[in-house]
PDB file of N, CA and C in Angstrom:
ATOM      1  N   MET A   1       0.838  -1.168   0.000  1.00  0.00           N
ATOM      2  CA  MET A   1       0.000   0.000   0.000  1.00  0.00           C
ATOM      3  C   MET A   1       0.888   1.238   0.000  1.00  0.00           C
ATOM      4  N   LEU A   2       0.682   2.133  -0.957  1.00  0.00           N
ATOM      5  CA  LEU A   2       1.460   3.360  -1.059  1.00  0.00           C
ATOM      6  C   LEU A   2       0.624   4.543  -0.601  1.00  0.00           C
ATOM      7  N   GLU A   3       1.273   5.454   0.085  1.00  0.00           N
ATOM      8  CA  GLU A   3       0.597   6.640   0.616  1.00  0.00           C
ATOM      9  C   GLU A   3       1.469   7.854   0.304  1.00  0.00           C
ATOM     10  N   SER A   4       0.852   8.934  -0.141  1.00  0.00           N
ATOM     11  CA  SER A   4       1.567  10.170  -0.422  1.00  0.00           C
ATOM     12  C   SER A   4       1.537  11.061   0.821  1.00  0.00           C
ATOM     13  N   GLN A   5       2.675  11.689   1.128  1.00  0.00           N
ATOM     14  CA  GLN A   5       2.769  12.558   2.306  1.00  0.00           C
ATOM     15  C   GLN A   5       3.654  13.756   1.983  1.00  0.00           C
ATOM     16  N   VAL A   6       3.192  14.940   2.328  1.00  0.00           N
ATOM     17  CA  VAL A   6       3.998  16.149   2.178  1.00  0.00           C
ATOM     18  C   VAL A   6       4.763  16.361   3.479  1.00  0.00           C
ATOM     19  N   TYR A   7       6.058  16.651   3.366  1.00  0.00           N
ATOM     20  CA  TYR A   7       6.887  16.928   4.534  1.00  0.00           C
ATOM     21  C   TYR A   7       7.693  18.192   4.267  1.00  0.00           C
ATOM     22  N   GLN A   8       8.249  18.755   5.314  1.00  0.00           N
ATOM     23  CA  GLN A   8       9.067  19.957   5.186  1.00  0.00           C
ATOM     24  C   GLN A   8      10.532  19.575   5.358  1.00  0.00           C
ATOM     25  N   CYS A   9      11.368  19.959   4.403  1.00  0.00           N
ATOM     26  CA  CYS A   9      12.798  19.667   4.472  1.00  0.00           C
ATOM     27  C   CYS A   9      13.397  20.347   5.699  1.00  0.00           C
ATOM     28  N   PRO A  10      14.152  19.602   6.528  1.00  0.00           N
ATOM     29  CA  PRO A  10      14.756  20.206   7.719  1.00  0.00           C
ATOM     30  C   PRO A  10      15.891  21.183   7.394  1.00  0.00           C
ATOM     31  N   TYR A  11      16.352  21.211   6.158  1.00  0.00           N
ATOM     32  CA  TYR A  11      17.445  22.105   5.761  1.00  0.00           C
ATOM     33  C   TYR A  11      16.930  23.385   5.105  1.00  0.00           C
ATOM     34  N   CYS A  12      16.185  23.228   4.001  1.00  0.00           N
ATOM     35  CA  CYS A  12      15.767  24.403   3.226  1.00  0.00           C
ATOM     36  C   CYS A  12      14.344  24.852   3.539  1.00  0.00           C
ATOM     37  N   GLY A  13      13.569  24.030   4.250  1.00  0.00           N
ATOM     38  CA  GLY A  13      12.222  24.409   4.648  1.00  0.00           C
ATOM     39  C   GLY A  13      11.155  24.238   3.585  1.00  0.00           C
ATOM     40  N   GLU A  14      11.539  23.782   2.400  1.00  0.00           N
ATOM     41  CA  GLU A  14      10.561  23.588   1.324  1.00  0.00           C
ATOM     42  C   GLU A  14       9.653  22.403   1.606  1.00  0.00           C
ATOM     43  N   SER A  15       8.407  22.497   1.172  1.00  0.00           N
ATOM     44  CA  SER A  15       7.471  21.379   1.260  1.00  0.00           C
ATOM     45  C   SER A  15       7.708  20.453   0.078  1.00  0.00           C
ATOM     46  N   VAL A  16       7.879  19.169   0.366  1.00  0.00           N
ATOM     47  CA  VAL A  16       8.196  18.173  -0.654  1.00  0.00           C
ATOM     48  C   VAL A  16       7.265  16.983  -0.460  1.00  0.00           C
ATOM     49  N   ASP A  17       6.910  16.313  -1.545  1.00  0.00           N
ATOM     50  CA  ASP A  17       6.018  15.161  -1.499  1.00  0.00           C
ATOM     51  C   ASP A  17       6.833  13.866  -1.482  1.00  0.00           C
ATOM     52  N   ALA A  18       6.476  12.960  -0.566  1.00  0.00           N
ATOM     53  CA  ALA A  18       7.137  11.655  -0.478  1.00  0.00           C
ATOM     54  C   ALA A  18       6.094  10.562  -0.698  1.00  0.00           C
ATOM     55  N   LEU A  19       6.509   9.461  -1.316  1.00  0.00           N
ATOM     56  CA  LEU A  19       5.654   8.301  -1.501  1.00  0.00           C
ATOM     57  C   LEU A  19       6.103   7.235  -0.509  1.00  0.00           C
ATOM     58  N   LEU A  20       5.211   6.848   0.408  1.00  0.00           N
ATOM     59  CA  LEU A  20       5.544   5.924   1.492  1.00  0.00           C
ATOM     60  C   LEU A  20       4.972   4.541   1.206  1.00  0.00           C
ATOM     61  N   ASP A  21       5.766   3.501   1.424  1.00  0.00           N
ATOM     62  CA  ASP A  21       5.325   2.116   1.265  1.00  0.00           C
ATOM     63  C   ASP A  21       4.957   1.563   2.638  1.00  0.00           C
ATOM     64  N   LEU A  22       3.668   1.551   2.950  1.00  0.00           N
ATOM     65  CA  LEU A  22       3.208   1.116   4.269  1.00  0.00           C
ATOM     66  C   LEU A  22       3.245  -0.397   4.442  1.00  0.00           C
ATOM     67  N   SER A  23       3.362  -1.152   3.353  1.00  0.00           N
ATOM     68  CA  SER A  23       3.343  -2.616   3.436  1.00  0.00           C
ATOM     69  C   SER A  23       4.649  -3.190   3.971  1.00  0.00           C
ATOM     70  N   ALA A  24       5.708  -2.381   4.042  1.00  0.00           N
ATOM     71  CA  ALA A  24       7.019  -2.873   4.467  1.00  0.00           C
ATOM     72  C   ALA A  24       7.246  -2.736   5.971  1.00  0.00           C
ATOM     73  N   GLY A  25       6.268  -2.235   6.727  1.00  0.00           N
ATOM     74  CA  GLY A  25       6.433  -2.084   8.177  1.00  0.00           C
ATOM     75  C   GLY A  25       7.276  -0.868   8.524  1.00  0.00           C
ATOM     76  N   ASP A  26       7.751  -0.820   9.765  1.00  0.00           N
ATOM     77  CA  ASP A  26       8.582   0.293  10.225  1.00  0.00           C
ATOM     78  C   ASP A  26       9.856   0.365   9.394  1.00  0.00           C
ATOM     79  N   GLN A  27      10.260   1.583   9.059  1.00  0.00           N
ATOM     80  CA  GLN A  27      11.433   1.771   8.201  1.00  0.00           C
ATOM     81  C   GLN A  27      12.207   3.015   8.623  1.00  0.00           C
ATOM     82  N   GLU A  28      13.500   2.989   8.405  1.00  0.00           N
ATOM     83  CA  GLU A  28      14.331   4.181   8.510  1.00  0.00           C
ATOM     84  C   GLU A  28      15.250   4.174   7.307  1.00  0.00           C
ATOM     85  N   TYR A  29      15.243   5.259   6.561  1.00  0.00           N
ATOM     86  CA  TYR A  29      16.056   5.329   5.348  1.00  0.00           C
ATOM     87  C   TYR A  29      16.428   6.784   5.077  1.00  0.00           C
ATOM     88  N   ILE A  30      17.377   6.980   4.171  1.00  0.00           N
ATOM     89  CA  ILE A  30      17.853   8.315   3.821  1.00  0.00           C
ATOM     90  C   ILE A  30      17.555   8.583   2.352  1.00  0.00           C
ATOM     91  N   GLU A  31      16.996   9.763   2.089  1.00  0.00           N
ATOM     92  CA  GLU A  31      16.775  10.239   0.723  1.00  0.00           C
ATOM     93  C   GLU A  31      17.223  11.685   0.659  1.00  0.00           C
ATOM     94  N   ASP A  32      17.722  12.095  -0.491  1.00  0.00           N
ATOM     95  CA  ASP A  32      18.115  13.488  -0.672  1.00  0.00           C
ATOM     96  C   ASP A  32      16.889  14.345  -0.928  1.00  0.00           C
ATOM     97  N   CYS A  33      16.900  15.570  -0.398  1.00  0.00           N
ATOM     98  CA  CYS A  33      15.837  16.538  -0.652  1.00  0.00           C
ATOM     99  C   CYS A  33      15.773  16.809  -2.156  1.00  0.00           C
ATOM    100  N   GLN A  34      14.576  16.864  -2.703  1.00  0.00           N
ATOM    101  CA  GLN A  34      14.395  17.119  -4.129  1.00  0.00           C
ATOM    102  C   GLN A  34      14.717  18.561  -4.500  1.00  0.00           C
ATOM    103  N   VAL A  35      14.797  19.449  -3.494  1.00  0.00           N
ATOM    104  CA  VAL A  35      15.055  20.862  -3.753  1.00  0.00           C
ATOM    105  C   VAL A  35      16.528  21.206  -3.515  1.00  0.00           C
ATOM    106  N   CYS A  36      17.046  20.928  -2.298  1.00  0.00           N
ATOM    107  CA  CYS A  36      18.414  21.348  -1.950  1.00  0.00           C
ATOM    108  C   CYS A  36      19.437  20.208  -2.015  1.00  0.00           C
ATOM    109  N   CYS A  37      18.986  18.984  -2.242  1.00  0.00           N
ATOM    110  CA  CYS A  37      19.847  17.801  -2.422  1.00  0.00           C
ATOM    111  C   CYS A  37      20.597  17.355  -1.169  1.00  0.00           C
ATOM    112  N   ARG A  38      20.222  17.834   0.009  1.00  0.00           N
ATOM    113  CA  ARG A  38      20.878  17.384   1.246  1.00  0.00           C
ATOM    114  C   ARG A  38      20.182  16.135   1.763  1.00  0.00           C
ATOM    115  N   PRO A  39      20.916  15.266   2.478  1.00  0.00           N
ATOM    116  CA  PRO A  39      20.348  13.989   2.934  1.00  0.00           C
ATOM    117  C   PRO A  39      19.385  14.152   4.111  1.00  0.00           C
ATOM    118  N   ILE A  40      18.209  13.563   3.967  1.00  0.00           N
ATOM    119  CA  ILE A  40      17.166  13.606   4.995  1.00  0.00           C
ATOM    120  C   ILE A  40      16.931  12.190   5.494  1.00  0.00           C
ATOM    121  N   VAL A  41      16.870  12.024   6.822  1.00  0.00           N
ATOM    122  CA  VAL A  41      16.563  10.728   7.419  1.00  0.00           C
ATOM    123  C   VAL A  41      15.052  10.644   7.602  1.00  0.00           C
ATOM    124  N   PHE A  42      14.459   9.615   7.014  1.00  0.00           N
ATOM    125  CA  PHE A  42      13.029   9.352   7.152  1.00  0.00           C
ATOM    126  C   PHE A  42      12.851   8.217   8.149  1.00  0.00           C
ATOM    127  N   ASP A  43      11.985   8.426   9.130  1.00  0.00           N
ATOM    128  CA  ASP A  43      11.661   7.392  10.115  1.00  0.00           C
ATOM    129  C   ASP A  43      10.156   7.169  10.028  1.00  0.00           C
ATOM    130  N   LEU A  44       9.748   6.056   9.415  1.00  0.00           N
ATOM    131  CA  LEU A  44       8.339   5.736   9.209  1.00  0.00           C
ATOM    132  C   LEU A  44       7.923   4.653  10.189  1.00  0.00           C
ATOM    133  N   GLN A  45       6.943   4.984  11.014  1.00  0.00           N
ATOM    134  CA  GLN A  45       6.374   4.026  11.966  1.00  0.00           C
ATOM    135  C   GLN A  45       4.980   3.674  11.458  1.00  0.00           C
ATOM    136  N   THR A  46       4.714   2.365  11.210  1.00  0.00           N
ATOM    137  CA  THR A  46       3.422   1.971  10.671  1.00  0.00           C
ATOM    138  C   THR A  46       3.024   0.575  11.104  1.00  0.00           C
ATOM    139  N   ASP A  47       1.730   0.373  11.179  1.00  0.00           N
ATOM    140  CA  ASP A  47       1.206  -0.968  11.422  1.00  0.00           C
ATOM    141  C   ASP A  47       0.532  -1.495  10.150  1.00  0.00           C
ATOM    142  N   GLY A  48       0.745  -0.817   9.035  1.00  0.00           N
ATOM    143  CA  GLY A  48       0.154  -1.198   7.762  1.00  0.00           C
ATOM    144  C   GLY A  48      -1.080  -0.381   7.422  1.00  0.00           C
ATOM    145  N   THR A  49      -1.692   0.255   8.412  1.00  0.00           N
ATOM    146  CA  THR A  49      -2.874   1.081   8.186  1.00  0.00           C
ATOM    147  C   THR A  49      -2.612   2.508   8.668  1.00  0.00           C
ATOM    148  N   ASP A  50      -2.347   2.653   9.951  1.00  0.00           N
ATOM    149  CA  ASP A  50      -1.995   3.952  10.520  1.00  0.00           C
ATOM    150  C   ASP A  50      -0.485   4.132  10.431  1.00  0.00           C
ATOM    151  N   TRP A  51      -0.045   5.379  10.299  1.00  0.00           N
ATOM    152  CA  TRP A  51       1.391   5.624  10.178  1.00  0.00           C
ATOM    153  C   TRP A  51       1.747   7.013  10.676  1.00  0.00           C
ATOM    154  N   THR A  52       3.027   7.168  11.024  1.00  0.00           N
ATOM    155  CA  THR A  52       3.589   8.452  11.418  1.00  0.00           C
ATOM    156  C   THR A  52       4.955   8.569  10.735  1.00  0.00           C
ATOM    157  N   LEU A  53       5.203   9.717  10.139  1.00  0.00           N
ATOM    158  CA  LEU A  53       6.476   9.962   9.463  1.00  0.00           C
ATOM    159  C   LEU A  53       7.220  11.061  10.200  1.00  0.00           C
ATOM    160  N   TYR A  54       8.474  10.783  10.558  1.00  0.00           N
ATOM    161  CA  TYR A  54       9.372  11.774  11.155  1.00  0.00           C
ATOM    162  C   TYR A  54      10.517  12.003  10.173  1.00  0.00           C
ATOM    163  N   VAL A  55      10.880  13.264   9.947  1.00  0.00           N
ATOM    164  CA  VAL A  55      12.029  13.581   9.099  1.00  0.00           C
ATOM    165  C   VAL A  55      12.989  14.436   9.899  1.00  0.00           C
ATOM    166  N   ARG A  56      14.276  14.233   9.646  1.00  0.00           N
ATOM    167  CA  ARG A  56      15.309  15.004  10.351  1.00  0.00           C
ATOM    168  C   ARG A  56      16.554  15.080   9.484  1.00  0.00           C
ATOM    169  N   GLY A  57      17.401  16.029   9.806  1.00  0.00           N
ATOM    170  CA  GLY A  57      18.665  16.140   9.104  1.00  0.00           C
ATOM    171  C   GLY A  57      19.571  14.971   9.454  1.00  0.00           C
ATOM    172  N   GLU A  58      20.518  14.688   8.622  1.00  0.00           N
ATOM    173  CA  GLU A  58      21.401  13.528   8.798  1.00  0.00           C
ATOM    174  C   GLU A  58      22.195  13.584  10.098  1.00  0.00           C
ATOM    175  N   ASN A  59      22.561  14.768  10.572  1.00  0.00           N
ATOM    176  CA  ASN A  59      23.377  14.894  11.783  1.00  0.00           C
ATOM    177  C   ASN A  59      22.584  15.320  13.005  1.00  0.00           C
ATOM    178  N   ASP A  60      21.270  15.300  12.929  1.00  0.00           N
ATOM    179  CA  ASP A  60      20.425  15.688  14.074  1.00  0.00           C
ATOM    180  C   ASP A  60      20.208  14.536  15.013  1.00  0.00           C
TER     181      ASP A  60
END
């Protein structure tokens, strides 16, 4: 199950859209910001239906 979520980049502050895969369970991964290209750590907590997304800078 894929879910779209808008988040704010912790570096440049721009709103960016992310596509989340809720079927894979809890995840932590790094993706570069689509605007400023700096690495963002995504922490997705999910039970497959409900979910919470936390984003932070790589060194935070």
